Amino acid sequence: MNLSLLRWVLAPRTSLLAHRIRTNRDHEMSPDTAWRLARLQLHPDEVPYRNHGHGPPS
């Protein structure tokens, strides 16, 4: 199963917002980046999970 189809099935509200974000920016953003941005707008409590692994090496 394709990742974008899986996202539409499991999180349709997030996927719709991601589609709107990409459309408003003339598709200059990747679908994955738009989906992550939409996810954080709808679920700000997930920011620590997004940031995991993106810090400087310890």
PDB file of N, CA and C in Angstrom:
ATOM      1  N   MET A   1       0.849  -1.184   0.000  1.00  0.00           N
ATOM      2  CA  MET A   1       0.000   0.000   0.000  1.00  0.00           C
ATOM      3  C   MET A   1       0.889   1.240   0.000  1.00  0.00           C
ATOM      4  N   ASN A   2       0.537   2.179  -0.780  1.00  0.00           N
ATOM      5  CA  ASN A   2       1.249   3.434  -0.941  1.00  0.00           C
ATOM      6  C   ASN A   2       1.112   4.284   0.338  1.00  0.00           C
ATOM      7  N   LEU A   3       2.183   5.000   0.729  1.00  0.00           N
ATOM      8  CA  LEU A   3       2.200   5.768   1.971  1.00  0.00           C
ATOM      9  C   LEU A   3       1.141   6.870   1.978  1.00  0.00           C
ATOM     10  N   SER A   4       0.982   7.593   0.885  1.00  0.00           N
ATOM     11  CA  SER A   4      -0.004   8.676   0.884  1.00  0.00           C
ATOM     12  C   SER A   4      -1.432   8.129   0.996  1.00  0.00           C
ATOM     13  N   LEU A   5      -1.705   6.987   0.375  1.00  0.00           N
ATOM     14  CA  LEU A   5      -3.027   6.371   0.507  1.00  0.00           C
ATOM     15  C   LEU A   5      -3.259   5.925   1.950  1.00  0.00           C
ATOM     16  N   LEU A   6      -2.247   5.347   2.556  1.00  0.00           N
ATOM     17  CA  LEU A   6      -2.354   4.920   3.953  1.00  0.00           C
ATOM     18  C   LEU A   6      -2.623   6.115   4.863  1.00  0.00           C
ATOM     19  N   ARG A   7      -1.950   7.229   4.608  1.00  0.00           N
ATOM     20  CA  ARG A   7      -2.185   8.431   5.407  1.00  0.00           C
ATOM     21  C   ARG A   7      -3.610   8.947   5.227  1.00  0.00           C
ATOM     22  N   TRP A   8      -4.142   8.919   3.986  1.00  0.00           N
ATOM     23  CA  TRP A   8      -5.523   9.366   3.753  1.00  0.00           C
ATOM     24  C   TRP A   8      -6.510   8.488   4.503  1.00  0.00           C
ATOM     25  N   VAL A   9      -6.230   7.195   4.569  1.00  0.00           N
ATOM     26  CA  VAL A   9      -7.143   6.272   5.240  1.00  0.00           C
ATOM     27  C   VAL A   9      -7.072   6.447   6.759  1.00  0.00           C
ATOM     28  N   LEU A  10      -5.867   6.568   7.304  1.00  0.00           N
ATOM     29  CA  LEU A  10      -5.708   6.617   8.755  1.00  0.00           C
ATOM     30  C   LEU A  10      -5.888   8.011   9.353  1.00  0.00           C
ATOM     31  N   ALA A  11      -5.579   9.054   8.595  1.00  0.00           N
ATOM     32  CA  ALA A  11      -5.680  10.421   9.117  1.00  0.00           C
ATOM     33  C   ALA A  11      -6.227  11.350   8.033  1.00  0.00           C
ATOM     34  N   PRO A  12      -7.490  11.222   7.696  1.00  0.00           N
ATOM     35  CA  PRO A  12      -8.036  12.022   6.595  1.00  0.00           C
ATOM     36  C   PRO A  12      -8.024  13.523   6.864  1.00  0.00           C
ATOM     37  N   ARG A  13      -8.252  13.931   8.091  1.00  0.00           N
ATOM     38  CA  ARG A  13      -8.266  15.369   8.406  1.00  0.00           C
ATOM     39  C   ARG A  13      -6.877  15.975   8.216  1.00  0.00           C
ATOM     40  N   THR A  14      -5.851  15.280   8.681  1.00  0.00           N
ATOM     41  CA  THR A  14      -4.477  15.742   8.509  1.00  0.00           C
ATOM     42  C   THR A  14      -4.110  15.769   7.029  1.00  0.00           C
ATOM     43  N   SER A  15      -4.516  14.752   6.302  1.00  0.00           N
ATOM     44  CA  SER A  15      -4.205  14.679   4.874  1.00  0.00           C
ATOM     45  C   SER A  15      -4.883  15.788   4.089  1.00  0.00           C
ATOM     46  N   LEU A  16      -6.116  16.111   4.438  1.00  0.00           N
ATOM     47  CA  LEU A  16      -6.817  17.195   3.770  1.00  0.00           C
ATOM     48  C   LEU A  16      -6.138  18.534   4.040  1.00  0.00           C
ATOM     49  N   LEU A  17      -5.738  18.763   5.284  1.00  0.00           N
ATOM     50  CA  LEU A  17      -5.027  19.998   5.614  1.00  0.00           C
ATOM     51  C   LEU A  17      -3.686  20.055   4.878  1.00  0.00           C
ATOM     52  N   ALA A  18      -2.978  18.947   4.789  1.00  0.00           N
ATOM     53  CA  ALA A  18      -1.707  18.914   4.058  1.00  0.00           C
ATOM     54  C   ALA A  18      -1.919  19.247   2.582  1.00  0.00           C
ATOM     55  N   HIS A  19      -2.986  18.723   2.017  1.00  0.00           N
ATOM     56  CA  HIS A  19      -3.313  19.030   0.615  1.00  0.00           C
ATOM     57  C   HIS A  19      -3.568  20.527   0.439  1.00  0.00           C
ATOM     58  N   ARG A  20      -4.310  21.108   1.367  1.00  0.00           N
ATOM     59  CA  ARG A  20      -4.586  22.545   1.308  1.00  0.00           C
ATOM     60  C   ARG A  20      -3.310  23.370   1.457  1.00  0.00           C
ATOM     61  N   ILE A  21      -2.420  22.946   2.342  1.00  0.00           N
ATOM     62  CA  ILE A  21      -1.138  23.654   2.532  1.00  0.00           C
ATOM     63  C   ILE A  21      -0.343  23.635   1.235  1.00  0.00           C
ATOM     64  N   ARG A  22      -0.252  22.466   0.602  1.00  0.00           N
ATOM     65  CA  ARG A  22       0.495  22.369  -0.667  1.00  0.00           C
ATOM     66  C   ARG A  22      -0.148  23.207  -1.758  1.00  0.00           C
ATOM     67  N   THR A  23      -1.469  23.202  -1.832  1.00  0.00           N
ATOM     68  CA  THR A  23      -2.176  23.966  -2.854  1.00  0.00           C
ATOM     69  C   THR A  23      -1.954  25.465  -2.666  1.00  0.00           C
ATOM     70  N   ASN A  24      -1.999  25.929  -1.425  1.00  0.00           N
ATOM     71  CA  ASN A  24      -1.801  27.354  -1.148  1.00  0.00           C
ATOM     72  C   ASN A  24      -0.379  27.807  -1.442  1.00  0.00           C
ATOM     73  N   ARG A  25       0.558  26.894  -1.445  1.00  0.00           N
ATOM     74  CA  ARG A  25       1.959  27.235  -1.725  1.00  0.00           C
ATOM     75  C   ARG A  25       2.374  26.803  -3.129  1.00  0.00           C
ATOM     76  N   ASP A  26       1.427  26.616  -4.009  1.00  0.00           N
ATOM     77  CA  ASP A  26       1.683  26.241  -5.406  1.00  0.00           C
ATOM     78  C   ASP A  26       2.533  24.981  -5.529  1.00  0.00           C
ATOM     79  N   HIS A  27       2.334  24.040  -4.638  1.00  0.00           N
ATOM     80  CA  HIS A  27       3.017  22.737  -4.661  1.00  0.00           C
ATOM     81  C   HIS A  27       4.545  22.863  -4.583  1.00  0.00           C
ATOM     82  N   GLU A  28       5.042  23.921  -3.944  1.00  0.00           N
ATOM     83  CA  GLU A  28       6.490  24.087  -3.778  1.00  0.00           C
ATOM     84  C   GLU A  28       7.029  23.221  -2.643  1.00  0.00           C
ATOM     85  N   MET A  29       6.154  22.667  -1.841  1.00  0.00           N
ATOM     86  CA  MET A  29       6.526  21.861  -0.688  1.00  0.00           C
ATOM     87  C   MET A  29       6.262  20.389  -1.005  1.00  0.00           C
ATOM     88  N   SER A  30       7.117  19.516  -0.491  1.00  0.00           N
ATOM     89  CA  SER A  30       6.892  18.093  -0.724  1.00  0.00           C
ATOM     90  C   SER A  30       5.649  17.637   0.044  1.00  0.00           C
ATOM     91  N   PRO A  31       4.997  16.601  -0.441  1.00  0.00           N
ATOM     92  CA  PRO A  31       3.811  16.095   0.263  1.00  0.00           C
ATOM     93  C   PRO A  31       4.136  15.654   1.688  1.00  0.00           C
ATOM     94  N   ASP A  32       5.306  15.080   1.891  1.00  0.00           N
ATOM     95  CA  ASP A  32       5.697  14.621   3.219  1.00  0.00           C
ATOM     96  C   ASP A  32       5.872  15.802   4.176  1.00  0.00           C
ATOM     97  N   THR A  33       6.516  16.854   3.726  1.00  0.00           N
ATOM     98  CA  THR A  33       6.709  18.041   4.552  1.00  0.00           C
ATOM     99  C   THR A  33       5.371  18.695   4.877  1.00  0.00           C
ATOM    100  N   ALA A  34       4.498  18.795   3.903  1.00  0.00           N
ATOM    101  CA  ALA A  34       3.174  19.378   4.131  1.00  0.00           C
ATOM    102  C   ALA A  34       2.380  18.545   5.129  1.00  0.00           C
ATOM    103  N   TRP A  35       2.490  17.213   5.041  1.00  0.00           N
ATOM    104  CA  TRP A  35       1.763  16.352   5.960  1.00  0.00           C
ATOM    105  C   TRP A  35       2.274  16.528   7.386  1.00  0.00           C
ATOM    106  N   ARG A  36       3.595  16.621   7.539  1.00  0.00           N
ATOM    107  CA  ARG A  36       4.159  16.824   8.878  1.00  0.00           C
ATOM    108  C   ARG A  36       3.749  18.175   9.455  1.00  0.00           C
ATOM    109  N   LEU A  37       3.756  19.201   8.640  1.00  0.00           N
ATOM    110  CA  LEU A  37       3.336  20.527   9.086  1.00  0.00           C
ATOM    111  C   LEU A  37       1.860  20.509   9.500  1.00  0.00           C
ATOM    112  N   ALA A  38       1.033  19.860   8.720  1.00  0.00           N
ATOM    113  CA  ALA A  38      -0.390  19.752   9.049  1.00  0.00           C
ATOM    114  C   ALA A  38      -0.588  18.969  10.344  1.00  0.00           C
ATOM    115  N   ARG A  39       0.178  17.905  10.495  1.00  0.00           N
ATOM    116  CA  ARG A  39       0.063  17.079  11.695  1.00  0.00           C
ATOM    117  C   ARG A  39       0.382  17.892  12.944  1.00  0.00           C
ATOM    118  N   LEU A  40       1.413  18.724  12.864  1.00  0.00           N
ATOM    119  CA  LEU A  40       1.794  19.530  14.016  1.00  0.00           C
ATOM    120  C   LEU A  40       0.788  20.644  14.286  1.00  0.00           C
ATOM    121  N   GLN A  41       0.139  21.154  13.255  1.00  0.00           N
ATOM    122  CA  GLN A  41      -0.894  22.172  13.463  1.00  0.00           C
ATOM    123  C   GLN A  41      -2.111  21.579  14.165  1.00  0.00           C
ATOM    124  N   LEU A  42      -2.460  20.358  13.808  1.00  0.00           N
ATOM    125  CA  LEU A  42      -3.631  19.719  14.408  1.00  0.00           C
ATOM    126  C   LEU A  42      -3.327  19.059  15.748  1.00  0.00           C
ATOM    127  N   HIS A  43      -2.076  18.653  15.942  1.00  0.00           N
ATOM    128  CA  HIS A  43      -1.682  17.936  17.161  1.00  0.00           C
ATOM    129  C   HIS A  43      -0.361  18.494  17.696  1.00  0.00           C
ATOM    130  N   PRO A  44      -0.386  19.698  18.294  1.00  0.00           N
ATOM    131  CA  PRO A  44       0.860  20.303  18.767  1.00  0.00           C
ATOM    132  C   PRO A  44       1.558  19.495  19.865  1.00  0.00           C
ATOM    133  N   ASP A  45       0.852  18.602  20.512  1.00  0.00           N
ATOM    134  CA  ASP A  45       1.457  17.770  21.540  1.00  0.00           C
ATOM    135  C   ASP A  45       2.443  16.755  20.955  1.00  0.00           C
ATOM    136  N   GLU A  46       2.499  16.600  19.644  1.00  0.00           N
ATOM    137  CA  GLU A  46       3.413  15.645  19.013  1.00  0.00           C
ATOM    138  C   GLU A  46       4.763  16.254  18.622  1.00  0.00           C
ATOM    139  N   VAL A  47       5.004  17.516  18.966  1.00  0.00           N
ATOM    140  CA  VAL A  47       6.261  18.181  18.614  1.00  0.00           C
ATOM    141  C   VAL A  47       7.481  17.418  19.141  1.00  0.00           C
ATOM    142  N   PRO A  48       7.473  16.925  20.383  1.00  0.00           N
ATOM    143  CA  PRO A  48       8.664  16.178  20.847  1.00  0.00           C
ATOM    144  C   PRO A  48       8.980  14.953  19.986  1.00  0.00           C
ATOM    145  N   TYR A  49       7.960  14.293  19.450  1.00  0.00           N
ATOM    146  CA  TYR A  49       8.191  13.132  18.594  1.00  0.00           C
ATOM    147  C   TYR A  49       8.829  13.544  17.270  1.00  0.00           C
ATOM    148  N   ARG A  50       8.415  14.688  16.732  1.00  0.00           N
ATOM    149  CA  ARG A  50       8.992  15.180  15.484  1.00  0.00           C
ATOM    150  C   ARG A  50      10.442  15.576  15.693  1.00  0.00           C
ATOM    151  N   ASN A  51      10.724  16.160  16.841  1.00  0.00           N
ATOM    152  CA  ASN A  51      12.082  16.623  17.119  1.00  0.00           C
ATOM    153  C   ASN A  51      13.040  15.502  17.485  1.00  0.00           C
ATOM    154  N   HIS A  52      12.524  14.335  17.825  1.00  0.00           N
ATOM    155  CA  HIS A  52      13.381  13.215  18.217  1.00  0.00           C
ATOM    156  C   HIS A  52      14.314  12.833  17.066  1.00  0.00           C
ATOM    157  N   GLY A  53      15.582  12.830  17.342  1.00  0.00           N
ATOM    158  CA  GLY A  53      16.569  12.444  16.340  1.00  0.00           C
ATOM    159  C   GLY A  53      17.031  13.577  15.450  1.00  0.00           C
ATOM    160  N   HIS A  54      16.575  14.807  15.707  1.00  0.00           N
ATOM    161  CA  HIS A  54      16.978  15.932  14.861  1.00  0.00           C
ATOM    162  C   HIS A  54      17.907  16.901  15.582  1.00  0.00           C
ATOM    163  N   GLY A  55      18.432  16.481  16.703  1.00  0.00           N
ATOM    164  CA  GLY A  55      19.348  17.338  17.457  1.00  0.00           C
ATOM    165  C   GLY A  55      20.802  17.049  17.101  1.00  0.00           C
ATOM    166  N   PRO A  56      21.720  17.789  17.677  1.00  0.00           N
ATOM    167  CA  PRO A  56      23.138  17.527  17.432  1.00  0.00           C
ATOM    168  C   PRO A  56      23.541  16.175  18.028  1.00  0.00           C
ATOM    169  N   PRO A  57      24.507  15.510  17.443  1.00  0.00           N
ATOM    170  CA  PRO A  57      24.928  14.201  17.968  1.00  0.00           C
ATOM    171  C   PRO A  57      25.497  14.350  19.377  1.00  0.00           C
ATOM    172  N   SER A  58      25.195  13.374  20.218  1.00  0.00           N
ATOM    173  CA  SER A  58      25.688  13.433  21.607  1.00  0.00           C
ATOM    174  C   SER A  58      26.972  12.662  21.750  1.00  0.00           C
TER     175      SER A  58
END
